[in-house]
């Protein structure tokens, strides 16, 4: 199960934002975003960002489309 922070980072990746943009939006360090993504990939059995962006597990919020 993903933590709320991991799920939020995953959602923002699906919108097309980069790690620096996600870090700024969530007021965290870029390294923290990277760590969250590493955990998301591992927990979901994904190989990386491209595979995460292709999943439907995390709908893109309306205000970010």
PDB file of N, CA and C in Angstrom:
ATOM      1  N   UNK A   1       0.841  -1.186   0.000  1.00  0.00           N
ATOM      2  CA  UNK A   1       0.000   0.000   0.000  1.00  0.00           C
ATOM      3  C   UNK A   1       0.889   1.254   0.000  1.00  0.00           C
ATOM      4  N   UNK A   2       0.504   2.209  -0.818  1.00  0.00           N
ATOM      5  CA  UNK A   2       1.275   3.450  -0.905  1.00  0.00           C
ATOM      6  C   UNK A   2       0.894   4.400   0.222  1.00  0.00           C
ATOM      7  N   UNK A   3       1.872   5.179   0.661  1.00  0.00           N
ATOM      8  CA  UNK A   3       1.587   6.239   1.621  1.00  0.00           C
ATOM      9  C   UNK A   3       0.874   7.368   0.876  1.00  0.00           C
ATOM     10  N   UNK A   4       0.207   8.264   1.596  1.00  0.00           N
ATOM     11  CA  UNK A   4      -0.428   9.398   0.915  1.00  0.00           C
ATOM     12  C   UNK A   4       0.574  10.221   0.094  1.00  0.00           C
ATOM     13  N   UNK A   5       1.774  10.417   0.595  1.00  0.00           N
ATOM     14  CA  UNK A   5       2.778  11.199  -0.143  1.00  0.00           C
ATOM     15  C   UNK A   5       3.204  10.474  -1.416  1.00  0.00           C
ATOM     16  N   UNK A   6       3.399   9.165  -1.339  1.00  0.00           N
ATOM     17  CA  UNK A   6       3.770   8.399  -2.525  1.00  0.00           C
ATOM     18  C   UNK A   6       2.667   8.461  -3.582  1.00  0.00           C
ATOM     19  N   UNK A   7       1.427   8.326  -3.132  1.00  0.00           N
ATOM     20  CA  UNK A   7       0.292   8.378  -4.066  1.00  0.00           C
ATOM     21  C   UNK A   7       0.191   9.748  -4.728  1.00  0.00           C
ATOM     22  N   UNK A   8       0.422  10.813  -3.966  1.00  0.00           N
ATOM     23  CA  UNK A   8       0.346  12.162  -4.533  1.00  0.00           C
ATOM     24  C   UNK A   8       1.455  12.387  -5.558  1.00  0.00           C
ATOM     25  N   UNK A   9       2.659  11.942  -5.248  1.00  0.00           N
ATOM     26  CA  UNK A   9       3.762  12.065  -6.197  1.00  0.00           C
ATOM     27  C   UNK A   9       3.430  11.276  -7.466  1.00  0.00           C
ATOM     28  N   UNK A  10       2.896  10.076  -7.324  1.00  0.00           N
ATOM     29  CA  UNK A  10       2.521   9.262  -8.487  1.00  0.00           C
ATOM     30  C   UNK A  10       1.474   9.970  -9.335  1.00  0.00           C
ATOM     31  N   UNK A  11       0.484  10.583  -8.700  1.00  0.00           N
ATOM     32  CA  UNK A  11      -0.546  11.320  -9.444  1.00  0.00           C
ATOM     33  C   UNK A  11       0.068  12.472 -10.246  1.00  0.00           C
ATOM     34  N   UNK A  12       0.988  13.191  -9.611  1.00  0.00           N
ATOM     35  CA  UNK A  12       1.600  14.335 -10.273  1.00  0.00           C
ATOM     36  C   UNK A  12       2.512  13.906 -11.420  1.00  0.00           C
ATOM     37  N   UNK A  13       3.162  12.774 -11.289  1.00  0.00           N
ATOM     38  CA  UNK A  13       3.957  12.240 -12.408  1.00  0.00           C
ATOM     39  C   UNK A  13       3.037  12.003 -13.599  1.00  0.00           C
ATOM     40  N   UNK A  14       1.850  11.490 -13.350  1.00  0.00           N
ATOM     41  CA  UNK A  14       0.905  11.213 -14.435  1.00  0.00           C
ATOM     42  C   UNK A  14       0.461  12.479 -15.151  1.00  0.00           C
ATOM     43  N   UNK A  15       0.576  13.632 -14.501  1.00  0.00           N
ATOM     44  CA  UNK A  15       0.200  14.887 -15.153  1.00  0.00           C
ATOM     45  C   UNK A  15       1.293  15.382 -16.079  1.00  0.00           C
ATOM     46  N   UNK A  16       2.478  14.772 -15.988  1.00  0.00           N
ATOM     47  CA  UNK A  16       3.584  15.175 -16.837  1.00  0.00           C
ATOM     48  C   UNK A  16       4.600  16.065 -16.154  1.00  0.00           C
ATOM     49  N   UNK A  17       4.424  16.329 -14.867  1.00  0.00           N
ATOM     50  CA  UNK A  17       5.381  17.173 -14.155  1.00  0.00           C
ATOM     51  C   UNK A  17       6.691  16.435 -13.923  1.00  0.00           C
ATOM     52  N   UNK A  18       7.777  17.187 -13.913  1.00  0.00           N
ATOM     53  CA  UNK A  18       9.087  16.635 -13.593  1.00  0.00           C
ATOM     54  C   UNK A  18       9.309  16.635 -12.086  1.00  0.00           C
ATOM     55  N   UNK A  19      10.381  15.987 -11.665  1.00  0.00           N
ATOM     56  CA  UNK A  19      10.662  15.874 -10.228  1.00  0.00           C
ATOM     57  C   UNK A  19      10.812  17.234  -9.545  1.00  0.00           C
ATOM     58  N   UNK A  20      11.504  18.173 -10.203  1.00  0.00           N
ATOM     59  CA  UNK A  20      11.684  19.502  -9.595  1.00  0.00           C
ATOM     60  C   UNK A  20      10.350  20.218  -9.442  1.00  0.00           C
ATOM     61  N   UNK A  21       9.491  20.102 -10.451  1.00  0.00           N
ATOM     62  CA  UNK A  21       8.172  20.747 -10.385  1.00  0.00           C
ATOM     63  C   UNK A  21       7.309  20.119  -9.286  1.00  0.00           C
ATOM     64  N   UNK A  22       7.385  18.799  -9.166  1.00  0.00           N
ATOM     65  CA  UNK A  22       6.629  18.112  -8.116  1.00  0.00           C
ATOM     66  C   UNK A  22       7.147  18.543  -6.753  1.00  0.00           C
ATOM     67  N   UNK A  23       8.457  18.610  -6.604  1.00  0.00           N
ATOM     68  CA  UNK A  23       9.060  19.021  -5.329  1.00  0.00           C
ATOM     69  C   UNK A  23       8.594  20.416  -4.935  1.00  0.00           C
ATOM     70  N   UNK A  24       8.578  21.327  -5.880  1.00  0.00           N
ATOM     71  CA  UNK A  24       8.137  22.692  -5.608  1.00  0.00           C
ATOM     72  C   UNK A  24       6.670  22.715  -5.204  1.00  0.00           C
ATOM     73  N   UNK A  25       5.851  22.002  -5.961  1.00  0.00           N
ATOM     74  CA  UNK A  25       4.407  21.975  -5.700  1.00  0.00           C
ATOM     75  C   UNK A  25       4.095  21.400  -4.321  1.00  0.00           C
ATOM     76  N   UNK A  26       4.864  20.382  -3.907  1.00  0.00           N
ATOM     77  CA  UNK A  26       4.594  19.707  -2.632  1.00  0.00           C
ATOM     78  C   UNK A  26       5.485  20.199  -1.486  1.00  0.00           C
ATOM     79  N   UNK A  27       6.300  21.201  -1.762  1.00  0.00           N
ATOM     80  CA  UNK A  27       7.195  21.791  -0.755  1.00  0.00           C
ATOM     81  C   UNK A  27       8.089  20.723  -0.118  1.00  0.00           C
ATOM     82  N   UNK A  28       8.775  19.973  -0.980  1.00  0.00           N
ATOM     83  CA  UNK A  28       9.720  18.975  -0.491  1.00  0.00           C
ATOM     84  C   UNK A  28      10.958  19.007  -1.380  1.00  0.00           C
ATOM     85  N   UNK A  29      11.995  18.372  -0.921  1.00  0.00           N
ATOM     86  CA  UNK A  29      13.240  18.314  -1.692  1.00  0.00           C
ATOM     87  C   UNK A  29      13.066  17.407  -2.904  1.00  0.00           C
ATOM     88  N   UNK A  30      13.804  17.704  -3.960  1.00  0.00           N
ATOM     89  CA  UNK A  30      13.766  16.869  -5.157  1.00  0.00           C
ATOM     90  C   UNK A  30      14.173  15.437  -4.815  1.00  0.00           C
ATOM     91  N   UNK A  31      15.139  15.287  -3.947  1.00  0.00           N
ATOM     92  CA  UNK A  31      15.583  13.944  -3.528  1.00  0.00           C
ATOM     93  C   UNK A  31      14.441  13.185  -2.856  1.00  0.00           C
ATOM     94  N   UNK A  32      13.600  13.861  -2.104  1.00  0.00           N
ATOM     95  CA  UNK A  32      12.460  13.209  -1.455  1.00  0.00           C
ATOM     96  C   UNK A  32      11.484  12.691  -2.505  1.00  0.00           C
ATOM     97  N   UNK A  33      11.250  13.479  -3.547  1.00  0.00           N
ATOM     98  CA  UNK A  33      10.394  13.038  -4.652  1.00  0.00           C
ATOM     99  C   UNK A  33      10.997  11.778  -5.274  1.00  0.00           C
ATOM    100  N   UNK A  34      12.304  11.788  -5.509  1.00  0.00           N
ATOM    101  CA  UNK A  34      12.970  10.625  -6.092  1.00  0.00           C
ATOM    102  C   UNK A  34      12.809   9.393  -5.216  1.00  0.00           C
ATOM    103  N   UNK A  35      12.932   9.560  -3.911  1.00  0.00           N
ATOM    104  CA  UNK A  35      12.770   8.432  -2.990  1.00  0.00           C
ATOM    105  C   UNK A  35      11.337   7.903  -3.011  1.00  0.00           C
ATOM    106  N   UNK A  36      10.367   8.805  -3.023  1.00  0.00           N
ATOM    107  CA  UNK A  36       8.967   8.381  -3.112  1.00  0.00           C
ATOM    108  C   UNK A  36       8.731   7.590  -4.396  1.00  0.00           C
ATOM    109  N   UNK A  37       9.261   8.081  -5.511  1.00  0.00           N
ATOM    110  CA  UNK A  37       9.073   7.385  -6.788  1.00  0.00           C
ATOM    111  C   UNK A  37       9.722   6.001  -6.775  1.00  0.00           C
ATOM    112  N   UNK A  38      10.894   5.898  -6.207  1.00  0.00           N
ATOM    113  CA  UNK A  38      11.561   4.597  -6.107  1.00  0.00           C
ATOM    114  C   UNK A  38      10.692   3.614  -5.340  1.00  0.00           C
ATOM    115  N   UNK A  39      10.101   4.089  -4.247  1.00  0.00           N
ATOM    116  CA  UNK A  39       9.222   3.220  -3.460  1.00  0.00           C
ATOM    117  C   UNK A  39       7.946   2.860  -4.217  1.00  0.00           C
ATOM    118  N   UNK A  40       7.393   3.815  -4.947  1.00  0.00           N
ATOM    119  CA  UNK A  40       6.187   3.551  -5.750  1.00  0.00           C
ATOM    120  C   UNK A  40       6.490   2.476  -6.784  1.00  0.00           C
ATOM    121  N   UNK A  41       7.582   2.618  -7.501  1.00  0.00           N
ATOM    122  CA  UNK A  41       7.941   1.635  -8.528  1.00  0.00           C
ATOM    123  C   UNK A  41       8.081   0.244  -7.907  1.00  0.00           C
ATOM    124  N   UNK A  42       8.773   0.180  -6.794  1.00  0.00           N
ATOM    125  CA  UNK A  42       9.007  -1.107  -6.138  1.00  0.00           C
ATOM    126  C   UNK A  42       7.690  -1.725  -5.652  1.00  0.00           C
ATOM    127  N   UNK A  43       6.877  -0.935  -4.983  1.00  0.00           N
ATOM    128  CA  UNK A  43       5.628  -1.450  -4.419  1.00  0.00           C
ATOM    129  C   UNK A  43       4.651  -1.901  -5.497  1.00  0.00           C
ATOM    130  N   UNK A  44       4.647  -1.215  -6.638  1.00  0.00           N
ATOM    131  CA  UNK A  44       3.703  -1.537  -7.705  1.00  0.00           C
ATOM    132  C   UNK A  44       4.295  -2.451  -8.771  1.00  0.00           C
ATOM    133  N   UNK A  45       5.575  -2.783  -8.619  1.00  0.00           N
ATOM    134  CA  UNK A  45       6.218  -3.665  -9.593  1.00  0.00           C
ATOM    135  C   UNK A  45       6.396  -3.019 -10.960  1.00  0.00           C
ATOM    136  N   UNK A  46       6.641  -1.720 -10.963  1.00  0.00           N
ATOM    137  CA  UNK A  46       6.820  -0.970 -12.206  1.00  0.00           C
ATOM    138  C   UNK A  46       8.299  -0.780 -12.487  1.00  0.00           C
ATOM    139  N   UNK A  47       8.638  -0.634 -13.766  1.00  0.00           N
ATOM    140  CA  UNK A  47      10.045  -0.468 -14.132  1.00  0.00           C
ATOM    141  C   UNK A  47      10.493   0.991 -14.127  1.00  0.00           C
ATOM    142  N   UNK A  48       9.559   1.936 -14.122  1.00  0.00           N
ATOM    143  CA  UNK A  48       9.970   3.331 -14.108  1.00  0.00           C
ATOM    144  C   UNK A  48       8.841   4.289 -14.436  1.00  0.00           C
ATOM    145  N   UNK A  49       9.237   5.513 -14.685  1.00  0.00           N
ATOM    146  CA  UNK A  49       8.303   6.622 -14.914  1.00  0.00           C
ATOM    147  C   UNK A  49       7.367   6.373 -16.109  1.00  0.00           C
ATOM    148  N   UNK A  50       7.915   5.863 -17.196  1.00  0.00           N
ATOM    149  CA  UNK A  50       7.102   5.628 -18.391  1.00  0.00           C
ATOM    150  C   UNK A  50       5.965   4.645 -18.074  1.00  0.00           C
ATOM    151  N   UNK A  51       6.286   3.598 -17.355  1.00  0.00           N
ATOM    152  CA  UNK A  51       5.266   2.613 -17.001  1.00  0.00           C
ATOM    153  C   UNK A  51       4.245   3.211 -16.029  1.00  0.00           C
ATOM    154  N   UNK A  52       4.700   4.026 -15.094  1.00  0.00           N
ATOM    155  CA  UNK A  52       3.791   4.691 -14.159  1.00  0.00           C
ATOM    156  C   UNK A  52       2.848   5.628 -14.907  1.00  0.00           C
ATOM    157  N   UNK A  53       3.377   6.373 -15.854  1.00  0.00           N
ATOM    158  CA  UNK A  53       2.532   7.307 -16.617  1.00  0.00           C
ATOM    159  C   UNK A  53       1.477   6.567 -17.424  1.00  0.00           C
ATOM    160  N   UNK A  54       1.747   5.323 -17.797  1.00  0.00           N
ATOM    161  CA  UNK A  54       0.805   4.552 -18.582  1.00  0.00           C
ATOM    162  C   UNK A  54      -0.263   3.846 -17.768  1.00  0.00           C
ATOM    163  N   UNK A  55      -0.097   3.820 -16.452  1.00  0.00           N
ATOM    164  CA  UNK A  55      -1.061   3.114 -15.601  1.00  0.00           C
ATOM    165  C   UNK A  55      -2.296   3.963 -15.354  1.00  0.00           C
ATOM    166  N   UNK A  56      -3.377   3.319 -15.086  1.00  0.00           N
ATOM    167  CA  UNK A  56      -4.624   4.038 -14.773  1.00  0.00           C
ATOM    168  C   UNK A  56      -4.905   4.039 -13.287  1.00  0.00           C
ATOM    169  N   UNK A  57      -3.964   3.573 -12.487  1.00  0.00           N
ATOM    170  CA  UNK A  57      -4.166   3.477 -11.047  1.00  0.00           C
ATOM    171  C   UNK A  57      -4.306   4.835 -10.385  1.00  0.00           C
ATOM    172  N   UNK A  58      -3.716   5.851 -10.973  1.00  0.00           N
ATOM    173  CA  UNK A  58      -3.718   7.174 -10.375  1.00  0.00           C
ATOM    174  C   UNK A  58      -4.325   8.175 -11.338  1.00  0.00           C
ATOM    175  N   UNK A  59      -5.629   8.431 -11.246  1.00  0.00           N
ATOM    176  CA  UNK A  59      -6.244   9.381 -12.175  1.00  0.00           C
ATOM    177  C   UNK A  59      -5.638  10.771 -12.027  1.00  0.00           C
ATOM    178  N   UNK A  60      -5.538  11.469 -13.130  1.00  0.00           N
ATOM    179  CA  UNK A  60      -5.036  12.835 -13.133  1.00  0.00           C
ATOM    180  C   UNK A  60      -6.118  13.748 -12.567  1.00  0.00           C
ATOM    181  N   UNK A  61      -5.803  14.513 -11.509  1.00  0.00           N
ATOM    182  CA  UNK A  61      -6.803  15.415 -10.948  1.00  0.00           C
ATOM    183  C   UNK A  61      -7.327  16.410 -11.999  1.00  0.00           C
ATOM    184  N   UNK A  62      -8.593  16.735 -11.904  1.00  0.00           N
ATOM    185  CA  UNK A  62      -9.250  17.644 -12.857  1.00  0.00           C
ATOM    186  C   UNK A  62      -8.493  18.961 -13.030  1.00  0.00           C
ATOM    187  N   UNK A  63      -8.027  19.544 -11.932  1.00  0.00           N
ATOM    188  CA  UNK A  63      -7.401  20.866 -12.012  1.00  0.00           C
ATOM    189  C   UNK A  63      -6.005  20.819 -12.628  1.00  0.00           C
ATOM    190  N   UNK A  64      -5.480  19.639 -12.919  1.00  0.00           N
ATOM    191  CA  UNK A  64      -4.143  19.528 -13.492  1.00  0.00           C
ATOM    192  C   UNK A  64      -4.169  19.073 -14.951  1.00  0.00           C
ATOM    193  N   UNK A  65      -5.334  18.908 -15.523  1.00  0.00           N
ATOM    194  CA  UNK A  65      -5.430  18.447 -16.916  1.00  0.00           C
ATOM    195  C   UNK A  65      -5.161  19.566 -17.874  1.00  0.00           C
TER     196      UNK A  65
END
